[in-house]
Amino acid sequence: MAWAVPGYSIEEVNRAGAVFASLHDDDELERALAIINNWRASHYFPLNTFATTLSRKAEHFTKAVVSQRVKRLRAIQHKLQKHTKRPITLSEMQDIGGCRVVLGNISQVEKFVKEYEHSDLKHKLIRQDNYIAIPREAVIEESILFMIT
């Protein structure tokens, strides 16, 4: 299987995102969707690489589950339409793809993180968010809602 590569410039990707967010121009929407789908598909290879690495590093943890996903079109559209202080462009969206490891308990998570950080990674860790030590409000609110329902 051949992996997709970005076939459009960043400017074209951002323009497609703007068209998709506004949904005002039906003539441009088809081209915008083609560009956005290429942009999403071009994330499969790096995402698969990270998920494979996570799987390999999680093998010795009991019942470890690794999953990956590329953001759905509806979620991309919602994020592009969000009214924030500064609107986001499609090329700035940092969560187009994501993968995770689910482990049995917090001590396994802490051990996994230490092992991962001290491994022979070829990538540079730019930022780390520890939602165990400092939970996000949205996550807490969702958890509370989940427990109530």
N, C-alpha and C. Protein backbone atom coordinates (compact mmCIF):
# COMPACT_ATOMS: atom_id res chain seq x y z
N MET A 1 0.84 -1.19 0.00
CA MET A 1 0.00 0.00 0.00
C MET A 1 0.88 1.24 0.00
N ALA A 2 0.61 2.16 -0.87
CA ALA A 2 1.35 3.41 -0.93
C ALA A 2 0.74 4.40 0.06
N TRP A 3 1.59 5.07 0.80
CA TRP A 3 1.12 6.07 1.75
C TRP A 3 0.87 7.38 1.02
N ALA A 4 -0.15 8.08 1.44
CA ALA A 4 -0.46 9.39 0.85
C ALA A 4 0.56 10.42 1.30
N VAL A 5 0.86 11.33 0.43
CA VAL A 5 1.72 12.46 0.77
C VAL A 5 0.92 13.74 0.53
N PRO A 6 1.26 14.81 1.24
CA PRO A 6 0.51 16.05 1.00
C PRO A 6 0.65 16.47 -0.47
N GLY A 7 -0.49 16.70 -1.10
CA GLY A 7 -0.50 17.04 -2.52
C GLY A 7 -0.81 18.50 -2.77
N TYR A 8 -0.89 19.27 -1.71
CA TYR A 8 -1.29 20.67 -1.85
C TYR A 8 -0.43 21.54 -0.94
N SER A 9 -0.34 22.80 -1.27
CA SER A 9 0.43 23.74 -0.44
C SER A 9 -0.34 24.02 0.85
N ILE A 10 0.37 24.55 1.83
CA ILE A 10 -0.26 24.93 3.09
C ILE A 10 -1.36 25.96 2.85
N GLU A 11 -1.12 26.87 1.94
CA GLU A 11 -2.13 27.89 1.61
C GLU A 11 -3.40 27.23 1.07
N GLU A 12 -3.24 26.23 0.18
CA GLU A 12 -4.40 25.52 -0.36
C GLU A 12 -5.13 24.73 0.73
N VAL A 13 -4.38 24.14 1.63
CA VAL A 13 -4.97 23.39 2.75
C VAL A 13 -5.78 24.35 3.62
N ASN A 14 -5.21 25.49 3.95
CA ASN A 14 -5.92 26.45 4.79
C ASN A 14 -7.15 27.03 4.09
N ARG A 15 -7.05 27.28 2.80
CA ARG A 15 -8.19 27.79 2.04
C ARG A 15 -9.30 26.73 2.01
N ALA A 16 -8.93 25.48 1.82
CA ALA A 16 -9.92 24.40 1.82
C ALA A 16 -10.60 24.32 3.18
N GLY A 17 -9.83 24.48 4.24
CA GLY A 17 -10.41 24.48 5.59
C GLY A 17 -11.40 25.61 5.77
N ALA A 18 -11.06 26.79 5.26
CA ALA A 18 -11.96 27.95 5.37
C ALA A 18 -13.25 27.72 4.59
N VAL A 19 -13.13 27.15 3.39
CA VAL A 19 -14.32 26.84 2.58
C VAL A 19 -15.19 25.82 3.30
N PHE A 20 -14.54 24.78 3.84
CA PHE A 20 -15.27 23.71 4.54
C PHE A 20 -15.95 24.25 5.80
N ALA A 21 -15.30 25.15 6.50
CA ALA A 21 -15.89 25.72 7.72
C ALA A 21 -17.08 26.60 7.40
N SER A 22 -17.01 27.34 6.28
CA SER A 22 -18.08 28.29 5.98
C SER A 22 -19.26 27.64 5.29
N LEU A 23 -19.00 26.62 4.48
CA LEU A 23 -20.04 25.90 3.73
C LEU A 23 -20.91 26.84 2.88
N HIS A 24 -20.33 27.96 2.43
CA HIS A 24 -21.10 28.91 1.63
C HIS A 24 -21.00 28.67 0.14
N ASP A 25 -19.95 28.03 -0.30
CA ASP A 25 -19.72 27.90 -1.73
C ASP A 25 -19.73 26.43 -2.15
N ASP A 26 -20.87 25.96 -2.64
CA ASP A 26 -21.00 24.56 -3.04
C ASP A 26 -20.04 24.18 -4.16
N ASP A 27 -19.75 25.14 -5.04
CA ASP A 27 -18.83 24.86 -6.15
C ASP A 27 -17.42 24.56 -5.65
N GLU A 28 -17.00 25.25 -4.62
CA GLU A 28 -15.65 25.06 -4.08
C GLU A 28 -15.58 23.91 -3.08
N LEU A 29 -16.71 23.51 -2.55
CA LEU A 29 -16.73 22.51 -1.47
C LEU A 29 -16.14 21.17 -1.92
N GLU A 30 -16.45 20.73 -3.12
CA GLU A 30 -15.94 19.43 -3.59
C GLU A 30 -14.41 19.43 -3.64
N ARG A 31 -13.84 20.50 -4.20
CA ARG A 31 -12.37 20.60 -4.24
C ARG A 31 -11.81 20.71 -2.82
N ALA A 32 -12.47 21.47 -1.97
CA ALA A 32 -12.01 21.62 -0.59
C ALA A 32 -11.97 20.26 0.11
N LEU A 33 -13.00 19.46 -0.09
CA LEU A 33 -13.04 18.13 0.54
C LEU A 33 -11.92 17.23 0.02
N ALA A 34 -11.61 17.33 -1.26
CA ALA A 34 -10.51 16.53 -1.82
C ALA A 34 -9.18 16.93 -1.16
N ILE A 35 -8.98 18.22 -0.99
CA ILE A 35 -7.74 18.70 -0.35
C ILE A 35 -7.70 18.27 1.11
N ILE A 36 -8.79 18.43 1.82
CA ILE A 36 -8.84 18.06 3.24
C ILE A 36 -8.63 16.55 3.41
N ASN A 37 -9.25 15.76 2.55
CA ASN A 37 -9.06 14.30 2.65
C ASN A 37 -7.63 13.89 2.35
N ASN A 38 -6.97 14.59 1.41
CA ASN A 38 -5.56 14.33 1.16
C ASN A 38 -4.73 14.71 2.39
N TRP A 39 -5.05 15.83 3.01
CA TRP A 39 -4.34 16.29 4.20
C TRP A 39 -4.48 15.27 5.33
N ARG A 40 -5.70 14.79 5.53
CA ARG A 40 -5.94 13.77 6.57
C ARG A 40 -5.17 12.49 6.24
N ALA A 41 -5.25 12.05 4.98
CA ALA A 41 -4.60 10.79 4.58
C ALA A 41 -3.08 10.88 4.71
N SER A 42 -2.52 12.07 4.51
CA SER A 42 -1.07 12.22 4.61
C SER A 42 -0.57 12.07 6.04
N HIS A 43 -1.48 12.02 6.99
CA HIS A 43 -1.10 11.81 8.39
C HIS A 43 -1.10 10.34 8.79
N TYR A 44 -1.61 9.45 7.93
CA TYR A 44 -1.67 8.02 8.28
C TYR A 44 -0.30 7.40 8.50
N PHE A 45 0.68 7.71 7.64
CA PHE A 45 1.99 7.09 7.79
C PHE A 45 2.68 7.47 9.10
N PRO A 46 2.81 8.78 9.42
CA PRO A 46 3.45 9.10 10.70
C PRO A 46 2.65 8.59 11.89
N LEU A 47 1.33 8.62 11.78
CA LEU A 47 0.49 8.11 12.85
C LEU A 47 0.71 6.61 13.06
N ASN A 48 0.74 5.87 11.96
CA ASN A 48 0.98 4.43 12.04
C ASN A 48 2.36 4.14 12.63
N THR A 49 3.35 4.95 12.28
CA THR A 49 4.69 4.78 12.82
C THR A 49 4.69 4.95 14.33
N PHE A 50 4.04 5.99 14.82
CA PHE A 50 3.97 6.21 16.26
C PHE A 50 3.18 5.11 16.96
N ALA A 51 2.06 4.70 16.39
CA ALA A 51 1.25 3.64 17.00
C ALA A 51 2.03 2.33 17.06
N THR A 52 2.79 2.02 16.03
CA THR A 52 3.61 0.80 16.03
C THR A 52 4.66 0.87 17.13
N THR A 53 5.30 2.03 17.26
CA THR A 53 6.29 2.22 18.32
C THR A 53 5.65 2.07 19.70
N LEU A 54 4.48 2.67 19.88
CA LEU A 54 3.79 2.54 21.17
C LEU A 54 3.44 1.08 21.46
N SER A 55 2.98 0.36 20.43
CA SER A 55 2.63 -1.06 20.61
C SER A 55 3.85 -1.87 21.03
N ARG A 56 4.98 -1.60 20.38
CA ARG A 56 6.20 -2.34 20.69
C ARG A 56 6.65 -2.05 22.12
N LYS A 57 6.56 -0.79 22.53
CA LYS A 57 7.00 -0.41 23.88
C LYS A 57 6.00 -0.85 24.95
N ALA A 58 4.77 -1.11 24.57
CA ALA A 58 3.74 -1.50 25.54
C ALA A 58 3.57 -3.01 25.66
N GLU A 59 4.32 -3.77 24.88
CA GLU A 59 4.14 -5.24 24.84
C GLU A 59 4.26 -5.90 26.21
N HIS A 60 5.14 -5.42 27.06
CA HIS A 60 5.34 -6.09 28.35
C HIS A 60 4.39 -5.61 29.45
N PHE A 61 3.46 -4.73 29.10
CA PHE A 61 2.45 -4.30 30.07
C PHE A 61 1.20 -5.16 29.88
N THR A 62 0.68 -5.68 30.95
CA THR A 62 -0.49 -6.54 30.90
C THR A 62 -1.71 -5.77 30.38
N LYS A 63 -2.38 -6.34 29.42
CA LYS A 63 -3.62 -5.80 28.86
C LYS A 63 -3.48 -4.40 28.29
N ALA A 64 -2.33 -4.05 27.78
CA ALA A 64 -2.16 -2.74 27.15
C ALA A 64 -2.93 -2.71 25.84
N VAL A 65 -3.60 -1.60 25.59
CA VAL A 65 -4.36 -1.42 24.35
C VAL A 65 -3.85 -0.15 23.67
N VAL A 66 -3.47 -0.28 22.42
CA VAL A 66 -3.02 0.86 21.64
C VAL A 66 -4.05 1.14 20.56
N SER A 67 -4.43 2.39 20.43
CA SER A 67 -5.38 2.75 19.37
C SER A 67 -4.89 4.00 18.65
N GLN A 68 -5.41 4.19 17.46
CA GLN A 68 -5.05 5.37 16.67
C GLN A 68 -6.28 5.80 15.88
N ARG A 69 -6.26 7.10 15.53
CA ARG A 69 -7.37 7.62 14.73
C ARG A 69 -6.95 8.88 14.02
N VAL A 70 -7.61 9.14 12.90
CA VAL A 70 -7.48 10.42 12.21
C VAL A 70 -8.80 11.15 12.44
N LYS A 71 -8.71 12.42 12.75
CA LYS A 71 -9.89 13.22 13.09
C LYS A 71 -10.93 13.14 11.97
N ARG A 72 -12.17 12.95 12.35
CA ARG A 72 -13.28 12.88 11.39
C ARG A 72 -13.57 14.26 10.81
N LEU A 73 -14.13 14.25 9.61
CA LEU A 73 -14.46 15.50 8.93
C LEU A 73 -15.35 16.39 9.79
N ARG A 74 -16.34 15.80 10.40
CA ARG A 74 -17.27 16.58 11.23
C ARG A 74 -16.55 17.28 12.37
N ALA A 75 -15.60 16.57 13.00
CA ALA A 75 -14.83 17.16 14.10
C ALA A 75 -13.91 18.26 13.58
N ILE A 76 -13.33 18.07 12.41
CA ILE A 76 -12.49 19.11 11.80
C ILE A 76 -13.34 20.36 11.54
N GLN A 77 -14.51 20.14 10.95
CA GLN A 77 -15.40 21.26 10.64
C GLN A 77 -15.79 22.01 11.93
N HIS A 78 -16.14 21.26 12.96
CA HIS A 78 -16.53 21.88 14.23
C HIS A 78 -15.39 22.73 14.80
N LYS A 79 -14.19 22.18 14.76
CA LYS A 79 -13.04 22.90 15.33
C LYS A 79 -12.72 24.15 14.50
N LEU A 80 -12.86 24.06 13.19
CA LEU A 80 -12.61 25.22 12.33
C LEU A 80 -13.67 26.31 12.54
N GLN A 81 -14.88 25.92 12.92
CA GLN A 81 -15.97 26.87 13.10
C GLN A 81 -16.03 27.45 14.51
N LYS A 82 -15.27 26.87 15.44
CA LYS A 82 -15.28 27.33 16.82
C LYS A 82 -14.93 28.80 16.90
N HIS A 83 -15.67 29.52 17.69
CA HIS A 83 -15.39 30.94 17.87
C HIS A 83 -14.46 31.10 19.06
N THR A 84 -13.20 31.29 18.77
CA THR A 84 -12.20 31.48 19.82
C THR A 84 -11.56 32.85 19.63
N LYS A 85 -10.61 33.16 20.49
CA LYS A 85 -9.92 34.45 20.38
C LYS A 85 -9.30 34.61 18.99
N ARG A 86 -8.70 33.53 18.50
CA ARG A 86 -8.09 33.56 17.17
C ARG A 86 -8.48 32.26 16.47
N PRO A 87 -9.20 32.37 15.36
CA PRO A 87 -9.61 31.15 14.65
C PRO A 87 -8.38 30.33 14.23
N ILE A 88 -8.53 29.02 14.22
CA ILE A 88 -7.46 28.11 13.84
C ILE A 88 -7.55 27.81 12.35
N THR A 89 -6.42 27.62 11.71
CA THR A 89 -6.42 27.17 10.32
C THR A 89 -6.21 25.66 10.31
N LEU A 90 -6.55 25.03 9.21
CA LEU A 90 -6.44 23.57 9.11
C LEU A 90 -5.00 23.11 9.31
N SER A 91 -4.04 23.82 8.75
CA SER A 91 -2.65 23.39 8.88
C SER A 91 -2.12 23.55 10.31
N GLU A 92 -2.76 24.37 11.12
CA GLU A 92 -2.35 24.56 12.51
C GLU A 92 -2.96 23.51 13.45
N MET A 93 -3.97 22.81 12.99
CA MET A 93 -4.67 21.84 13.83
C MET A 93 -3.71 20.72 14.22
N GLN A 94 -3.41 20.64 15.51
CA GLN A 94 -2.39 19.70 15.97
C GLN A 94 -2.92 18.30 16.26
N ASP A 95 -4.21 18.13 16.21
CA ASP A 95 -4.77 16.81 16.55
C ASP A 95 -5.49 16.16 15.37
N ILE A 96 -4.95 16.35 14.17
CA ILE A 96 -5.51 15.68 12.98
C ILE A 96 -5.45 14.18 13.18
N GLY A 97 -4.37 13.71 13.76
CA GLY A 97 -4.22 12.29 14.07
C GLY A 97 -3.80 12.14 15.50
N GLY A 98 -4.12 11.00 16.06
CA GLY A 98 -3.72 10.76 17.44
C GLY A 98 -3.66 9.28 17.73
N CYS A 99 -2.81 8.93 18.67
CA CYS A 99 -2.77 7.55 19.14
C CYS A 99 -2.59 7.56 20.65
N ARG A 100 -2.96 6.46 21.26
CA ARG A 100 -2.88 6.38 22.72
C ARG A 100 -2.61 4.96 23.16
N VAL A 101 -2.10 4.87 24.36
CA VAL A 101 -1.92 3.58 25.02
C VAL A 101 -2.80 3.61 26.25
N VAL A 102 -3.63 2.61 26.42
CA VAL A 102 -4.45 2.49 27.61
C VAL A 102 -3.85 1.37 28.45
N LEU A 103 -3.53 1.70 29.70
CA LEU A 103 -2.88 0.73 30.58
C LEU A 103 -3.78 0.46 31.79
N GLY A 104 -3.40 -0.52 32.58
CA GLY A 104 -4.26 -0.99 33.67
C GLY A 104 -4.39 -0.07 34.85
N ASN A 105 -3.37 0.72 35.15
CA ASN A 105 -3.44 1.60 36.31
C ASN A 105 -2.43 2.74 36.16
N ILE A 106 -2.49 3.68 37.09
CA ILE A 106 -1.66 4.87 37.00
C ILE A 106 -0.18 4.54 37.13
N SER A 107 0.17 3.58 37.97
CA SER A 107 1.59 3.25 38.11
C SER A 107 2.16 2.69 36.81
N GLN A 108 1.36 1.93 36.06
CA GLN A 108 1.81 1.45 34.75
C GLN A 108 1.99 2.63 33.79
N VAL A 109 1.08 3.59 33.85
CA VAL A 109 1.20 4.77 32.99
C VAL A 109 2.49 5.52 33.31
N GLU A 110 2.76 5.74 34.59
CA GLU A 110 3.97 6.46 34.99
C GLU A 110 5.22 5.70 34.55
N LYS A 111 5.22 4.39 34.70
CA LYS A 111 6.36 3.56 34.28
C LYS A 111 6.54 3.63 32.76
N PHE A 112 5.44 3.52 32.03
CA PHE A 112 5.49 3.59 30.57
C PHE A 112 6.06 4.93 30.10
N VAL A 113 5.60 6.02 30.69
CA VAL A 113 6.07 7.35 30.31
C VAL A 113 7.57 7.46 30.54
N LYS A 114 8.05 7.01 31.69
CA LYS A 114 9.49 7.07 31.98
C LYS A 114 10.28 6.25 30.96
N GLU A 115 9.82 5.04 30.68
CA GLU A 115 10.50 4.19 29.70
C GLU A 115 10.50 4.83 28.32
N TYR A 116 9.38 5.40 27.95
CA TYR A 116 9.25 6.02 26.63
C TYR A 116 10.18 7.22 26.52
N GLU A 117 10.19 8.07 27.55
CA GLU A 117 11.03 9.27 27.53
C GLU A 117 12.52 8.94 27.47
N HIS A 118 12.92 7.83 28.05
CA HIS A 118 14.33 7.46 28.10
C HIS A 118 14.71 6.44 27.03
N SER A 119 13.87 6.27 26.04
CA SER A 119 14.17 5.32 24.97
C SER A 119 14.92 6.02 23.83
N ASP A 120 15.21 5.27 22.81
CA ASP A 120 16.00 5.79 21.68
C ASP A 120 15.13 6.47 20.62
N LEU A 121 14.31 7.42 21.04
CA LEU A 121 13.41 8.10 20.12
C LEU A 121 14.18 9.01 19.16
N LYS A 122 13.71 9.03 17.94
CA LYS A 122 14.30 9.91 16.94
C LYS A 122 13.55 11.24 16.88
N HIS A 123 12.46 11.35 17.63
CA HIS A 123 11.65 12.56 17.63
C HIS A 123 11.91 13.34 18.91
N LYS A 124 11.68 14.62 18.85
CA LYS A 124 11.89 15.49 19.99
C LYS A 124 10.55 15.79 20.65
N LEU A 125 10.47 15.58 21.96
CA LEU A 125 9.28 15.90 22.72
C LEU A 125 9.22 17.41 22.89
N ILE A 126 8.18 18.01 22.40
CA ILE A 126 8.03 19.47 22.47
C ILE A 126 7.26 19.87 23.71
N ARG A 127 6.19 19.15 24.00
CA ARG A 127 5.34 19.50 25.14
C ARG A 127 4.68 18.24 25.67
N GLN A 128 4.47 18.20 26.95
CA GLN A 128 3.79 17.07 27.56
C GLN A 128 2.71 17.60 28.49
N ASP A 129 1.51 17.09 28.34
CA ASP A 129 0.40 17.45 29.22
C ASP A 129 0.09 16.26 30.11
N ASN A 130 0.22 16.43 31.40
CA ASN A 130 -0.04 15.35 32.34
C ASN A 130 -1.44 15.55 32.92
N TYR A 131 -2.43 14.89 32.32
CA TYR A 131 -3.81 15.05 32.75
C TYR A 131 -4.12 14.26 34.02
N ILE A 132 -3.19 13.45 34.46
CA ILE A 132 -3.37 12.76 35.75
C ILE A 132 -3.03 13.74 36.87
N ALA A 133 -1.87 14.39 36.75
CA ALA A 133 -1.44 15.34 37.77
C ALA A 133 -2.25 16.63 37.73
N ILE A 134 -2.53 17.11 36.51
CA ILE A 134 -3.28 18.36 36.34
C ILE A 134 -4.39 18.12 35.33
N PRO A 135 -5.55 17.66 35.81
CA PRO A 135 -6.66 17.36 34.88
C PRO A 135 -7.18 18.61 34.19
N ARG A 136 -7.58 18.43 32.94
CA ARG A 136 -8.23 19.53 32.22
C ARG A 136 -9.65 19.66 32.74
N GLU A 137 -10.17 20.89 32.78
CA GLU A 137 -11.54 21.10 33.25
C GLU A 137 -12.55 20.36 32.40
N ALA A 138 -12.36 20.38 31.08
CA ALA A 138 -13.31 19.70 30.18
C ALA A 138 -13.37 18.22 30.48
N VAL A 139 -12.22 17.62 30.77
CA VAL A 139 -12.19 16.19 31.07
C VAL A 139 -12.92 15.92 32.38
N ILE A 140 -12.70 16.78 33.37
CA ILE A 140 -13.36 16.61 34.67
C ILE A 140 -14.86 16.76 34.49
N GLU A 141 -15.29 17.79 33.75
CA GLU A 141 -16.72 18.00 33.54
C GLU A 141 -17.35 16.81 32.83
N GLU A 142 -16.68 16.27 31.80
CA GLU A 142 -17.21 15.11 31.08
C GLU A 142 -17.31 13.92 32.02
N SER A 143 -16.32 13.74 32.89
CA SER A 143 -16.34 12.62 33.83
C SER A 143 -17.50 12.75 34.79
N ILE A 144 -17.74 13.96 35.27
CA ILE A 144 -18.84 14.18 36.19
C ILE A 144 -20.17 13.91 35.47
N LEU A 145 -20.31 14.41 34.25
CA LEU A 145 -21.53 14.15 33.49
C LEU A 145 -21.71 12.65 33.25
N PHE A 146 -20.62 11.97 32.96
CA PHE A 146 -20.71 10.53 32.71
C PHE A 146 -21.17 9.79 33.96
N MET A 147 -20.67 10.19 35.12
CA MET A 147 -21.04 9.50 36.35
C MET A 147 -22.48 9.77 36.73
N ILE A 148 -23.00 10.94 36.36
CA ILE A 148 -24.37 11.27 36.71
C ILE A 148 -25.36 10.49 35.84
N THR A 149 -25.05 10.32 34.57
CA THR A 149 -26.02 9.71 33.66
C THR A 149 -26.06 8.23 33.74
